[in-house]
Amino acid sequence: MKDTIMYGIVHGQNYANDNIKKIKAHLSKEDGVTAIEYAVIAVAISAMLLAVFGSGKDSFITAITDKFSSLSSNIKGTVDK
């Protein structure tokens, strides 16, 4: 009888430990959290790029495009002569 009770206690503890490990493993998965973090980082980078490069007439991209157009026309002018 003593052995049967001891077996039940040990078996119950093993069963409980196994289930606790499974629950902890399930709760520690962070795949969804990581995806959300990457999305937040992407939005932050997009906002920073928009702030740095801007849009409209006074933006960095417009200034660079104008300079390259000017250089292109100057080079065409020297080659055509």
PDB file of N, CA and C in Angstrom:
ATOM      1  N   MET A   1       0.824  -1.200   0.000  1.00  0.00           N
ATOM      2  CA  MET A   1       0.000   0.000   0.000  1.00  0.00           C
ATOM      3  C   MET A   1       0.865   1.260   0.000  1.00  0.00           C
ATOM      4  N   LYS A   2       1.933   1.244   0.772  1.00  0.00           N
ATOM      5  CA  LYS A   2       2.829   2.384   0.851  1.00  0.00           C
ATOM      6  C   LYS A   2       3.462   2.654  -0.514  1.00  0.00           C
ATOM      7  N   ASP A   3       3.821   1.600  -1.243  1.00  0.00           N
ATOM      8  CA  ASP A   3       4.423   1.755  -2.569  1.00  0.00           C
ATOM      9  C   ASP A   3       3.430   2.347  -3.570  1.00  0.00           C
ATOM     10  N   THR A   4       2.184   1.941  -3.455  1.00  0.00           N
ATOM     11  CA  THR A   4       1.160   2.451  -4.362  1.00  0.00           C
ATOM     12  C   THR A   4       0.930   3.931  -4.125  1.00  0.00           C
ATOM     13  N   ILE A   5       0.898   4.360  -2.902  1.00  0.00           N
ATOM     14  CA  ILE A   5       0.719   5.777  -2.581  1.00  0.00           C
ATOM     15  C   ILE A   5       1.913   6.585  -3.070  1.00  0.00           C
ATOM     16  N   MET A   6       3.117   6.043  -2.860  1.00  0.00           N
ATOM     17  CA  MET A   6       4.333   6.726  -3.299  1.00  0.00           C
ATOM     18  C   MET A   6       4.366   6.829  -4.825  1.00  0.00           C
ATOM     19  N   TYR A   7       3.949   5.766  -5.507  1.00  0.00           N
ATOM     20  CA  TYR A   7       3.898   5.786  -6.967  1.00  0.00           C
ATOM     21  C   TYR A   7       2.912   6.855  -7.445  1.00  0.00           C
ATOM     22  N   GLY A   8       1.768   6.947  -6.810  1.00  0.00           N
ATOM     23  CA  GLY A   8       0.765   7.948  -7.174  1.00  0.00           C
ATOM     24  C   GLY A   8       1.277   9.361  -6.983  1.00  0.00           C
ATOM     25  N   ILE A   9       1.984   9.583  -5.898  1.00  0.00           N
ATOM     26  CA  ILE A   9       2.530  10.922  -5.630  1.00  0.00           C
ATOM     27  C   ILE A   9       3.579  11.291  -6.674  1.00  0.00           C
ATOM     28  N   VAL A  10       4.499  10.371  -6.938  1.00  0.00           N
ATOM     29  CA  VAL A  10       5.568  10.635  -7.909  1.00  0.00           C
ATOM     30  C   VAL A  10       4.983  10.824  -9.302  1.00  0.00           C
ATOM     31  N   HIS A  11       4.049   9.953  -9.676  1.00  0.00           N
ATOM     32  CA  HIS A  11       3.423  10.065 -10.994  1.00  0.00           C
ATOM     33  C   HIS A  11       2.658  11.393 -11.117  1.00  0.00           C
ATOM     34  N   GLY A  12       1.969  11.787 -10.084  1.00  0.00           N
ATOM     35  CA  GLY A  12       1.238  13.060 -10.091  1.00  0.00           C
ATOM     36  C   GLY A  12       2.170  14.250 -10.221  1.00  0.00           C
ATOM     37  N   GLN A  13       3.297  14.211  -9.530  1.00  0.00           N
ATOM     38  CA  GLN A  13       4.268  15.301  -9.628  1.00  0.00           C
ATOM     39  C   GLN A  13       4.861  15.378 -11.033  1.00  0.00           C
ATOM     40  N   ASN A  14       5.198  14.234 -11.607  1.00  0.00           N
ATOM     41  CA  ASN A  14       5.749  14.213 -12.968  1.00  0.00           C
ATOM     42  C   ASN A  14       4.735  14.754 -13.974  1.00  0.00           C
ATOM     43  N   TYR A  15       3.482  14.353 -13.803  1.00  0.00           N
ATOM     44  CA  TYR A  15       2.421  14.816 -14.696  1.00  0.00           C
ATOM     45  C   TYR A  15       2.241  16.340 -14.581  1.00  0.00           C
ATOM     46  N   ALA A  16       2.244  16.833 -13.357  1.00  0.00           N
ATOM     47  CA  ALA A  16       2.095  18.271 -13.132  1.00  0.00           C
ATOM     48  C   ALA A  16       3.286  19.040 -13.701  1.00  0.00           C
ATOM     49  N   ASN A  17       4.496  18.543 -13.494  1.00  0.00           N
ATOM     50  CA  ASN A  17       5.699  19.211 -14.009  1.00  0.00           C
ATOM     51  C   ASN A  17       5.691  19.253 -15.533  1.00  0.00           C
ATOM     52  N   ASP A  18       5.295  18.143 -16.165  1.00  0.00           N
ATOM     53  CA  ASP A  18       5.243  18.108 -17.627  1.00  0.00           C
ATOM     54  C   ASP A  18       4.246  19.129 -18.165  1.00  0.00           C
ATOM     55  N   ASN A  19       3.086  19.199 -17.541  1.00  0.00           N
ATOM     56  CA  ASN A  19       2.078  20.153 -18.000  1.00  0.00           C
ATOM     57  C   ASN A  19       2.499  21.592 -17.750  1.00  0.00           C
ATOM     58  N   ILE A  20       3.149  21.846 -16.646  1.00  0.00           N
ATOM     59  CA  ILE A  20       3.642  23.194 -16.358  1.00  0.00           C
ATOM     60  C   ILE A  20       4.692  23.600 -17.387  1.00  0.00           C
ATOM     61  N   LYS A  21       5.571  22.671 -17.762  1.00  0.00           N
ATOM     62  CA  LYS A  21       6.581  22.967 -18.782  1.00  0.00           C
ATOM     63  C   LYS A  21       5.926  23.286 -20.119  1.00  0.00           C
ATOM     64  N   LYS A  22       4.884  22.519 -20.482  1.00  0.00           N
ATOM     65  CA  LYS A  22       4.183  22.770 -21.745  1.00  0.00           C
ATOM     66  C   LYS A  22       3.509  24.144 -21.730  1.00  0.00           C
ATOM     67  N   ILE A  23       2.904  24.494 -20.628  1.00  0.00           N
ATOM     68  CA  ILE A  23       2.233  25.797 -20.521  1.00  0.00           C
ATOM     69  C   ILE A  23       3.254  26.919 -20.594  1.00  0.00           C
ATOM     70  N   LYS A  24       4.379  26.769 -19.896  1.00  0.00           N
ATOM     71  CA  LYS A  24       5.426  27.800 -19.940  1.00  0.00           C
ATOM     72  C   LYS A  24       5.979  27.947 -21.352  1.00  0.00           C
ATOM     73  N   ALA A  25       6.189  26.814 -22.044  1.00  0.00           N
ATOM     74  CA  ALA A  25       6.700  26.878 -23.415  1.00  0.00           C
ATOM     75  C   ALA A  25       5.697  27.569 -24.328  1.00  0.00           C
ATOM     76  N   HIS A  26       4.421  27.284 -24.123  1.00  0.00           N
ATOM     77  CA  HIS A  26       3.388  27.909 -24.950  1.00  0.00           C
ATOM     78  C   HIS A  26       3.304  29.411 -24.684  1.00  0.00           C
ATOM     79  N   LEU A  27       3.414  29.810 -23.440  1.00  0.00           N
ATOM     80  CA  LEU A  27       3.318  31.231 -23.095  1.00  0.00           C
ATOM     81  C   LEU A  27       4.572  32.017 -23.464  1.00  0.00           C
ATOM     82  N   SER A  28       5.700  31.332 -23.578  1.00  0.00           N
ATOM     83  CA  SER A  28       6.945  32.046 -23.869  1.00  0.00           C
ATOM     84  C   SER A  28       7.167  32.263 -25.361  1.00  0.00           C
ATOM     85  N   LYS A  29       6.293  31.723 -26.210  1.00  0.00           N
ATOM     86  CA  LYS A  29       6.425  31.977 -27.638  1.00  0.00           C
ATOM     87  C   LYS A  29       6.116  33.440 -27.897  1.00  0.00           C
ATOM     88  N   GLU A  30       7.011  34.110 -28.602  1.00  0.00           N
ATOM     89  CA  GLU A  30       6.864  35.538 -28.831  1.00  0.00           C
ATOM     90  C   GLU A  30       6.838  35.876 -30.311  1.00  0.00           C
ATOM     91  N   ASP A  31       6.373  34.969 -31.156  1.00  0.00           N
ATOM     92  CA  ASP A  31       6.362  35.213 -32.595  1.00  0.00           C
ATOM     93  C   ASP A  31       5.482  36.402 -32.949  1.00  0.00           C
ATOM     94  N   GLY A  32       4.294  36.462 -32.393  1.00  0.00           N
ATOM     95  CA  GLY A  32       3.387  37.575 -32.677  1.00  0.00           C
ATOM     96  C   GLY A  32       3.915  38.893 -32.158  1.00  0.00           C
ATOM     97  N   VAL A  33       4.511  38.869 -30.988  1.00  0.00           N
ATOM     98  CA  VAL A  33       5.071  40.084 -30.397  1.00  0.00           C
ATOM     99  C   VAL A  33       6.220  40.595 -31.260  1.00  0.00           C
ATOM    100  N   THR A  34       7.053  39.699 -31.750  1.00  0.00           N
ATOM    101  CA  THR A  34       8.184  40.095 -32.593  1.00  0.00           C
ATOM    102  C   THR A  34       7.682  40.741 -33.883  1.00  0.00           C
ATOM    103  N   ALA A  35       6.638  40.188 -34.474  1.00  0.00           N
ATOM    104  CA  ALA A  35       6.096  40.760 -35.705  1.00  0.00           C
ATOM    105  C   ALA A  35       5.570  42.168 -35.446  1.00  0.00           C
ATOM    106  N   ILE A  36       4.923  42.373 -34.333  1.00  0.00           N
ATOM    107  CA  ILE A  36       4.416  43.711 -34.001  1.00  0.00           C
ATOM    108  C   ILE A  36       5.576  44.675 -33.780  1.00  0.00           C
ATOM    109  N   GLU A  37       6.621  44.208 -33.118  1.00  0.00           N
ATOM    110  CA  GLU A  37       7.789  45.065 -32.895  1.00  0.00           C
ATOM    111  C   GLU A  37       8.414  45.478 -34.223  1.00  0.00           C
ATOM    112  N   TYR A  38       8.541  44.543 -35.155  1.00  0.00           N
ATOM    113  CA  TYR A  38       9.104  44.875 -36.466  1.00  0.00           C
ATOM    114  C   TYR A  38       8.217  45.872 -37.209  1.00  0.00           C
ATOM    115  N   ALA A  39       6.919  45.740 -37.088  1.00  0.00           N
ATOM    116  CA  ALA A  39       6.010  46.681 -37.740  1.00  0.00           C
ATOM    117  C   ALA A  39       6.176  48.084 -37.154  1.00  0.00           C
ATOM    118  N   VAL A  40       6.310  48.165 -35.835  1.00  0.00           N
ATOM    119  CA  VAL A  40       6.508  49.467 -35.188  1.00  0.00           C
ATOM    120  C   VAL A  40       7.830  50.086 -35.623  1.00  0.00           C
ATOM    121  N   ILE A  41       8.877  49.273 -35.722  1.00  0.00           N
ATOM    122  CA  ILE A  41      10.182  49.770 -36.170  1.00  0.00           C
ATOM    123  C   ILE A  41      10.085  50.273 -37.611  1.00  0.00           C
ATOM    124  N   ALA A  42       9.383  49.542 -38.481  1.00  0.00           N
ATOM    125  CA  ALA A  42       9.233  49.960 -39.882  1.00  0.00           C
ATOM    126  C   ALA A  42       8.501  51.287 -39.986  1.00  0.00           C
ATOM    127  N   VAL A  43       7.473  51.470 -39.185  1.00  0.00           N
ATOM    128  CA  VAL A  43       6.736  52.740 -39.196  1.00  0.00           C
ATOM    129  C   VAL A  43       7.627  53.872 -38.698  1.00  0.00           C
ATOM    130  N   ALA A  44       8.411  53.614 -37.675  1.00  0.00           N
ATOM    131  CA  ALA A  44       9.307  54.647 -37.145  1.00  0.00           C
ATOM    132  C   ALA A  44      10.358  55.046 -38.176  1.00  0.00           C
ATOM    133  N   ILE A  45      10.917  54.064 -38.870  1.00  0.00           N
ATOM    134  CA  ILE A  45      11.923  54.363 -39.899  1.00  0.00           C
ATOM    135  C   ILE A  45      11.288  55.148 -41.040  1.00  0.00           C
ATOM    136  N   SER A  46      10.082  54.769 -41.445  1.00  0.00           N
ATOM    137  CA  SER A  46       9.384  55.501 -42.506  1.00  0.00           C
ATOM    138  C   SER A  46       9.144  56.950 -42.101  1.00  0.00           C
ATOM    139  N   ALA A  47       8.727  57.157 -40.872  1.00  0.00           N
ATOM    140  CA  ALA A  47       8.480  58.522 -40.399  1.00  0.00           C
ATOM    141  C   ALA A  47       9.768  59.337 -40.367  1.00  0.00           C
ATOM    142  N   MET A  48      10.865  58.713 -39.945  1.00  0.00           N
ATOM    143  CA  MET A  48      12.146  59.434 -39.910  1.00  0.00           C
ATOM    144  C   MET A  48      12.613  59.788 -41.318  1.00  0.00           C
ATOM    145  N   LEU A  49      12.471  58.852 -42.266  1.00  0.00           N
ATOM    146  CA  LEU A  49      12.864  59.147 -43.648  1.00  0.00           C
ATOM    147  C   LEU A  49      12.027  60.267 -44.237  1.00  0.00           C
ATOM    148  N   LEU A  50      10.741  60.252 -43.951  1.00  0.00           N
ATOM    149  CA  LEU A  50       9.877  61.320 -44.440  1.00  0.00           C
ATOM    150  C   LEU A  50      10.266  62.662 -43.817  1.00  0.00           C
ATOM    151  N   ALA A  51      10.626  62.638 -42.552  1.00  0.00           N
ATOM    152  CA  ALA A  51      11.029  63.875 -41.876  1.00  0.00           C
ATOM    153  C   ALA A  51      12.352  64.394 -42.434  1.00  0.00           C
ATOM    154  N   VAL A  52      13.285  63.491 -42.738  1.00  0.00           N
ATOM    155  CA  VAL A  52      14.599  63.903 -43.240  1.00  0.00           C
ATOM    156  C   VAL A  52      14.512  64.354 -44.688  1.00  0.00           C
ATOM    157  N   PHE A  53      13.885  63.536 -45.529  1.00  0.00           N
ATOM    158  CA  PHE A  53      13.863  63.839 -46.956  1.00  0.00           C
ATOM    159  C   PHE A  53      12.681  64.710 -47.352  1.00  0.00           C
ATOM    160  N   GLY A  54      11.602  64.653 -46.606  1.00  0.00           N
ATOM    161  CA  GLY A  54      10.454  65.521 -46.837  1.00  0.00           C
ATOM    162  C   GLY A  54       9.742  65.260 -48.142  1.00  0.00           C
ATOM    163  N   SER A  55       8.802  66.133 -48.416  1.00  0.00           N
ATOM    164  CA  SER A  55       8.067  66.073 -49.677  1.00  0.00           C
ATOM    165  C   SER A  55       7.651  67.483 -50.044  1.00  0.00           C
ATOM    166  N   GLY A  56       7.397  67.696 -51.305  1.00  0.00           N
ATOM    167  CA  GLY A  56       7.012  69.025 -51.756  1.00  0.00           C
ATOM    168  C   GLY A  56       8.156  69.740 -52.446  1.00  0.00           C
ATOM    169  N   LYS A  57       8.011  71.081 -52.622  1.00  0.00           N
ATOM    170  CA  LYS A  57       9.000  71.868 -53.360  1.00  0.00           C
ATOM    171  C   LYS A  57      10.322  72.015 -52.622  1.00  0.00           C
ATOM    172  N   ASP A  58      10.284  72.115 -51.329  1.00  0.00           N
ATOM    173  CA  ASP A  58      11.498  72.379 -50.552  1.00  0.00           C
ATOM    174  C   ASP A  58      12.156  71.111 -50.021  1.00  0.00           C
ATOM    175  N   SER A  59      11.812  69.965 -50.570  1.00  0.00           N
ATOM    176  CA  SER A  59      12.352  68.717 -50.031  1.00  0.00           C
ATOM    177  C   SER A  59      13.754  68.434 -50.565  1.00  0.00           C
ATOM    178  N   PHE A  60      14.431  67.560 -49.890  1.00  0.00           N
ATOM    179  CA  PHE A  60      15.780  67.135 -50.270  1.00  0.00           C
ATOM    180  C   PHE A  60      15.763  66.456 -51.639  1.00  0.00           C
ATOM    181  N   ILE A  61      14.767  65.617 -51.872  1.00  0.00           N
ATOM    182  CA  ILE A  61      14.674  64.886 -53.134  1.00  0.00           C
ATOM    183  C   ILE A  61      14.486  65.860 -54.301  1.00  0.00           C
ATOM    184  N   THR A  62      13.663  66.860 -54.129  1.00  0.00           N
ATOM    185  CA  THR A  62      13.450  67.858 -55.183  1.00  0.00           C
ATOM    186  C   THR A  62      14.738  68.632 -55.452  1.00  0.00           C
ATOM    187  N   ALA A  63      15.464  68.993 -54.408  1.00  0.00           N
ATOM    188  CA  ALA A  63      16.724  69.724 -54.575  1.00  0.00           C
ATOM    189  C   ALA A  63      17.752  68.879 -55.323  1.00  0.00           C
ATOM    190  N   ILE A  64      17.861  67.605 -54.970  1.00  0.00           N
ATOM    191  CA  ILE A  64      18.812  66.715 -55.656  1.00  0.00           C
ATOM    192  C   ILE A  64      18.410  66.535 -57.118  1.00  0.00           C
ATOM    193  N   THR A  65      17.127  66.356 -57.372  1.00  0.00           N
ATOM    194  CA  THR A  65      16.643  66.184 -58.748  1.00  0.00           C
ATOM    195  C   THR A  65      16.934  67.430 -59.576  1.00  0.00           C
ATOM    196  N   ASP A  66      16.719  68.591 -59.007  1.00  0.00           N
ATOM    197  CA  ASP A  66      17.018  69.832 -59.716  1.00  0.00           C
ATOM    198  C   ASP A  66      18.506  69.969 -60.028  1.00  0.00           C
ATOM    199  N   LYS A  67      19.344  69.622 -59.068  1.00  0.00           N
ATOM    200  CA  LYS A  67      20.799  69.704 -59.290  1.00  0.00           C
ATOM    201  C   LYS A  67      21.248  68.745 -60.384  1.00  0.00           C
ATOM    202  N   PHE A  68      20.721  67.516 -60.373  1.00  0.00           N
ATOM    203  CA  PHE A  68      21.098  66.565 -61.413  1.00  0.00           C
ATOM    204  C   PHE A  68      20.576  66.996 -62.785  1.00  0.00           C
ATOM    205  N   SER A  69      19.414  67.622 -62.826  1.00  0.00           N
ATOM    206  CA  SER A  69      18.892  68.150 -64.099  1.00  0.00           C
ATOM    207  C   SER A  69      19.797  69.260 -64.614  1.00  0.00           C
ATOM    208  N   SER A  70      20.224  70.123 -63.701  1.00  0.00           N
ATOM    209  CA  SER A  70      21.130  71.212 -64.065  1.00  0.00           C
ATOM    210  C   SER A  70      22.460  70.661 -64.578  1.00  0.00           C
ATOM    211  N   LEU A  71      23.022  69.699 -63.879  1.00  0.00           N
ATOM    212  CA  LEU A  71      24.275  69.083 -64.317  1.00  0.00           C
ATOM    213  C   LEU A  71      24.103  68.393 -65.665  1.00  0.00           C
ATOM    214  N   SER A  72      22.981  67.716 -65.834  1.00  0.00           N
ATOM    215  CA  SER A  72      22.721  67.023 -67.091  1.00  0.00           C
ATOM    216  C   SER A  72      22.635  67.991 -68.250  1.00  0.00           C
ATOM    217  N   SER A  73      21.959  69.105 -68.048  1.00  0.00           N
ATOM    218  CA  SER A  73      21.854  70.095 -69.134  1.00  0.00           C
ATOM    219  C   SER A  73      23.206  70.749 -69.407  1.00  0.00           C
ATOM    220  N   ASN A  74      24.013  70.969 -68.382  1.00  0.00           N
ATOM    221  CA  ASN A  74      25.358  71.535 -68.581  1.00  0.00           C
ATOM    222  C   ASN A  74      26.249  70.569 -69.362  1.00  0.00           C
ATOM    223  N   ILE A  75      26.149  69.305 -69.032  1.00  0.00           N
ATOM    224  CA  ILE A  75      26.970  68.313 -69.748  1.00  0.00           C
ATOM    225  C   ILE A  75      26.507  68.196 -71.190  1.00  0.00           C
ATOM    226  N   LYS A  76      25.196  68.200 -71.428  1.00  0.00           N
ATOM    227  CA  LYS A  76      24.689  68.129 -72.790  1.00  0.00           C
ATOM    228  C   LYS A  76      25.121  69.355 -73.592  1.00  0.00           C
ATOM    229  N   GLY A  77      25.142  70.501 -72.927  1.00  0.00           N
ATOM    230  CA  GLY A  77      25.568  71.725 -73.606  1.00  0.00           C
ATOM    231  C   GLY A  77      27.022  71.679 -74.031  1.00  0.00           C
ATOM    232  N   THR A  78      27.882  71.065 -73.234  1.00  0.00           N
ATOM    233  CA  THR A  78      29.307  71.000 -73.597  1.00  0.00           C
ATOM    234  C   THR A  78      29.571  69.917 -74.621  1.00  0.00           C
ATOM    235  N   VAL A  79      28.808  68.886 -74.638  1.00  0.00           N
ATOM    236  CA  VAL A  79      29.016  67.792 -75.587  1.00  0.00           C
ATOM    237  C   VAL A  79      28.484  68.172 -76.959  1.00  0.00           C
ATOM    238  N   ASP A  80      27.389  68.894 -77.022  1.00  0.00           N
ATOM    239  CA  ASP A  80      26.777  69.268 -78.310  1.00  0.00           C
ATOM    240  C   ASP A  80      27.601  70.295 -79.074  1.00  0.00           C
ATOM    241  N   LYS A  81      28.461  71.065 -78.425  1.00  0.00           N
ATOM    242  CA  LYS A  81      29.209  72.140 -79.107  1.00  0.00           C
ATOM    243  C   LYS A  81      30.318  71.605 -79.909  1.00  0.00           C
TER     244      LYS A  81
END
